[in-house]
Structure formats: C-alpha cells, structure tokens
Amino acid sequence: MEHIQRLRELASWYRGLAEGTENPSIRQDRLRTADFLEREASCSELAFASPTVKLRAWGVQPLS
C-alpha cells in the first residue's frame, strides 16, 4: 500500500510543477501525468479492496 501513497505524492508534485509552468503545452503534459498517476493509485487501491467495495465502485449495490 506504500506505493499507492507514493503515486499520490508524485501526482501532487506534478500538479505543483504544472502551476508554476508558463508554457501551456508543458503545463498540460504535467497535469495529464498527474491525472494518470492518480488513476493508477485509485486502480491499485481498488485491486486491494474487498469485494463489496469493488462492487460499489462499479455502481453495483451488493446483496445484503
């Protein structure tokens, strides 16, 4: 689970870099990288989640 936290830290770092960048193309690339890292963290987190959490993430209401 440590790698999930690291991915989120890197995403935050890339967003910070994007804020200080004047070149719009570079800013967009950094924001895309941050979004990718955040999605990777979310996917990894979901991979370790319980079946109930996975169902809810997919919009399925588990049976009681």
N, C-alpha and C. Protein backbone atom coordinates (compact mmCIF):
# COMPACT_ATOMS: atom_id res chain seq x y z
N MET A 1 0.82 -1.20 0.00
CA MET A 1 0.00 0.00 0.00
C MET A 1 0.86 1.27 0.00
N GLU A 2 2.13 1.10 0.32
CA GLU A 2 3.03 2.25 0.32
C GLU A 2 3.16 2.85 -1.07
N HIS A 3 3.12 2.00 -2.10
CA HIS A 3 3.26 2.52 -3.46
C HIS A 3 2.07 3.38 -3.86
N ILE A 4 0.91 3.12 -3.29
CA ILE A 4 -0.28 3.93 -3.59
C ILE A 4 -0.08 5.35 -3.08
N GLN A 5 0.43 5.45 -1.86
CA GLN A 5 0.71 6.77 -1.29
C GLN A 5 1.77 7.50 -2.11
N ARG A 6 2.77 6.77 -2.55
CA ARG A 6 3.85 7.37 -3.36
C ARG A 6 3.29 7.89 -4.70
N LEU A 7 2.40 7.14 -5.32
CA LEU A 7 1.79 7.60 -6.57
C LEU A 7 1.02 8.90 -6.35
N ARG A 8 0.31 8.98 -5.24
CA ARG A 8 -0.46 10.20 -4.94
C ARG A 8 0.47 11.38 -4.65
N GLU A 9 1.58 11.11 -3.97
CA GLU A 9 2.56 12.17 -3.72
C GLU A 9 3.15 12.69 -5.03
N LEU A 10 3.47 11.78 -5.93
CA LEU A 10 4.00 12.18 -7.23
C LEU A 10 2.97 12.98 -8.03
N ALA A 11 1.71 12.56 -7.97
CA ALA A 11 0.66 13.29 -8.67
C ALA A 11 0.56 14.72 -8.14
N SER A 12 0.63 14.86 -6.84
CA SER A 12 0.59 16.18 -6.23
C SER A 12 1.80 17.02 -6.65
N TRP A 13 2.95 16.40 -6.70
CA TRP A 13 4.17 17.08 -7.11
C TRP A 13 4.05 17.58 -8.56
N TYR A 14 3.53 16.74 -9.44
CA TYR A 14 3.35 17.15 -10.84
C TYR A 14 2.35 18.29 -10.96
N ARG A 15 1.31 18.28 -10.15
CA ARG A 15 0.34 19.38 -10.18
C ARG A 15 1.00 20.68 -9.74
N GLY A 16 1.85 20.59 -8.71
CA GLY A 16 2.59 21.77 -8.27
C GLY A 16 3.51 22.30 -9.36
N LEU A 17 4.18 21.40 -10.06
CA LEU A 17 5.03 21.82 -11.17
C LEU A 17 4.22 22.49 -12.27
N ALA A 18 3.05 21.94 -12.53
CA ALA A 18 2.19 22.49 -13.59
C ALA A 18 1.77 23.92 -13.27
N GLU A 19 1.49 24.19 -12.00
CA GLU A 19 1.05 25.53 -11.60
C GLU A 19 2.11 26.59 -11.89
N GLY A 20 3.37 26.21 -11.75
CA GLY A 20 4.44 27.17 -11.95
C GLY A 20 4.98 27.22 -13.37
N THR A 21 4.34 26.55 -14.29
CA THR A 21 4.83 26.48 -15.66
C THR A 21 4.06 27.46 -16.55
N GLU A 22 4.79 28.27 -17.29
CA GLU A 22 4.14 29.24 -18.17
C GLU A 22 3.76 28.64 -19.52
N ASN A 23 4.52 27.67 -19.97
CA ASN A 23 4.26 27.06 -21.27
C ASN A 23 3.01 26.18 -21.17
N PRO A 24 1.94 26.51 -21.91
CA PRO A 24 0.68 25.75 -21.81
C PRO A 24 0.83 24.28 -22.18
N SER A 25 1.68 23.98 -23.14
CA SER A 25 1.86 22.60 -23.57
C SER A 25 2.50 21.77 -22.46
N ILE A 26 3.51 22.32 -21.83
CA ILE A 26 4.18 21.61 -20.73
C ILE A 26 3.24 21.49 -19.54
N ARG A 27 2.48 22.56 -19.27
CA ARG A 27 1.51 22.53 -18.16
C ARG A 27 0.51 21.39 -18.36
N GLN A 28 -0.03 21.28 -19.59
CA GLN A 28 -0.99 20.22 -19.89
C GLN A 28 -0.37 18.84 -19.74
N ASP A 29 0.86 18.68 -20.20
CA ASP A 29 1.54 17.39 -20.06
C ASP A 29 1.71 17.01 -18.60
N ARG A 30 2.07 17.97 -17.79
CA ARG A 30 2.25 17.69 -16.35
C ARG A 30 0.92 17.37 -15.68
N LEU A 31 -0.12 18.05 -16.06
CA LEU A 31 -1.44 17.75 -15.50
C LEU A 31 -1.93 16.37 -15.94
N ARG A 32 -1.66 16.02 -17.19
CA ARG A 32 -2.02 14.68 -17.67
C ARG A 32 -1.25 13.60 -16.90
N THR A 33 0.02 13.87 -16.65
CA THR A 33 0.82 12.91 -15.88
C THR A 33 0.27 12.78 -14.47
N ALA A 34 -0.09 13.89 -13.85
CA ALA A 34 -0.67 13.85 -12.50
C ALA A 34 -1.98 13.07 -12.50
N ASP A 35 -2.82 13.29 -13.49
CA ASP A 35 -4.09 12.55 -13.59
C ASP A 35 -3.84 11.05 -13.77
N PHE A 36 -2.87 10.71 -14.61
CA PHE A 36 -2.53 9.31 -14.82
C PHE A 36 -2.07 8.66 -13.52
N LEU A 37 -1.19 9.33 -12.79
CA LEU A 37 -0.69 8.78 -11.53
C LEU A 37 -1.82 8.61 -10.51
N GLU A 38 -2.73 9.55 -10.47
CA GLU A 38 -3.87 9.45 -9.55
C GLU A 38 -4.76 8.28 -9.93
N ARG A 39 -5.00 8.09 -11.23
CA ARG A 39 -5.81 6.94 -11.67
C ARG A 39 -5.12 5.63 -11.33
N GLU A 40 -3.81 5.57 -11.52
CA GLU A 40 -3.05 4.37 -11.16
C GLU A 40 -3.18 4.07 -9.67
N ALA A 41 -3.11 5.10 -8.85
CA ALA A 41 -3.26 4.93 -7.40
C ALA A 41 -4.65 4.40 -7.08
N SER A 42 -5.66 4.96 -7.71
CA SER A 42 -7.04 4.52 -7.45
C SER A 42 -7.25 3.08 -7.90
N CYS A 43 -6.71 2.72 -9.06
CA CYS A 43 -6.84 1.35 -9.55
C CYS A 43 -6.12 0.37 -8.63
N SER A 44 -4.95 0.75 -8.17
CA SER A 44 -4.20 -0.12 -7.25
C SER A 44 -4.95 -0.28 -5.94
N GLU A 45 -5.51 0.82 -5.47
CA GLU A 45 -6.27 0.78 -4.22
C GLU A 45 -7.48 -0.14 -4.37
N LEU A 46 -8.14 -0.06 -5.49
CA LEU A 46 -9.31 -0.90 -5.75
C LEU A 46 -8.92 -2.37 -5.86
N ALA A 47 -7.74 -2.63 -6.39
CA ALA A 47 -7.27 -4.01 -6.53
C ALA A 47 -7.12 -4.68 -5.16
N PHE A 48 -6.81 -3.90 -4.14
CA PHE A 48 -6.63 -4.44 -2.79
C PHE A 48 -7.90 -4.37 -1.95
N ALA A 49 -8.96 -3.81 -2.52
CA ALA A 49 -10.20 -3.60 -1.77
C ALA A 49 -11.00 -4.89 -1.65
N SER A 50 -11.92 -4.87 -0.72
CA SER A 50 -12.82 -6.01 -0.52
C SER A 50 -13.80 -6.09 -1.69
N PRO A 51 -14.41 -7.25 -1.90
CA PRO A 51 -15.39 -7.37 -2.99
C PRO A 51 -16.54 -6.38 -2.88
N THR A 52 -16.99 -6.08 -1.68
CA THR A 52 -18.10 -5.14 -1.50
C THR A 52 -17.70 -3.75 -1.97
N VAL A 53 -16.49 -3.33 -1.62
CA VAL A 53 -16.01 -2.02 -2.05
C VAL A 53 -15.88 -1.97 -3.57
N LYS A 54 -15.41 -3.05 -4.17
CA LYS A 54 -15.28 -3.10 -5.63
C LYS A 54 -16.64 -2.98 -6.30
N LEU A 55 -17.63 -3.68 -5.79
CA LEU A 55 -18.96 -3.59 -6.37
C LEU A 55 -19.51 -2.18 -6.30
N ARG A 56 -19.34 -1.54 -5.16
CA ARG A 56 -19.83 -0.16 -5.01
C ARG A 56 -19.10 0.78 -5.96
N ALA A 57 -17.80 0.57 -6.15
CA ALA A 57 -17.03 1.42 -7.07
C ALA A 57 -17.56 1.28 -8.50
N TRP A 58 -18.08 0.13 -8.85
CA TRP A 58 -18.62 -0.11 -10.18
C TRP A 58 -20.11 0.25 -10.27
N GLY A 59 -20.66 0.78 -9.18
CA GLY A 59 -22.06 1.21 -9.18
C GLY A 59 -23.05 0.09 -8.94
N VAL A 60 -22.57 -1.05 -8.41
CA VAL A 60 -23.45 -2.19 -8.13
C VAL A 60 -23.73 -2.23 -6.64
N GLN A 61 -24.97 -2.37 -6.29
CA GLN A 61 -25.35 -2.48 -4.88
C GLN A 61 -25.28 -3.96 -4.48
N PRO A 62 -24.37 -4.31 -3.57
CA PRO A 62 -24.27 -5.72 -3.17
C PRO A 62 -25.50 -6.19 -2.42
N LEU A 63 -25.78 -7.48 -2.53
CA LEU A 63 -26.91 -8.06 -1.82
C LEU A 63 -26.63 -8.10 -0.33
N SER A 64 -27.64 -7.88 0.47
CA SER A 64 -27.47 -7.91 1.93
C SER A 64 -27.52 -9.31 2.47
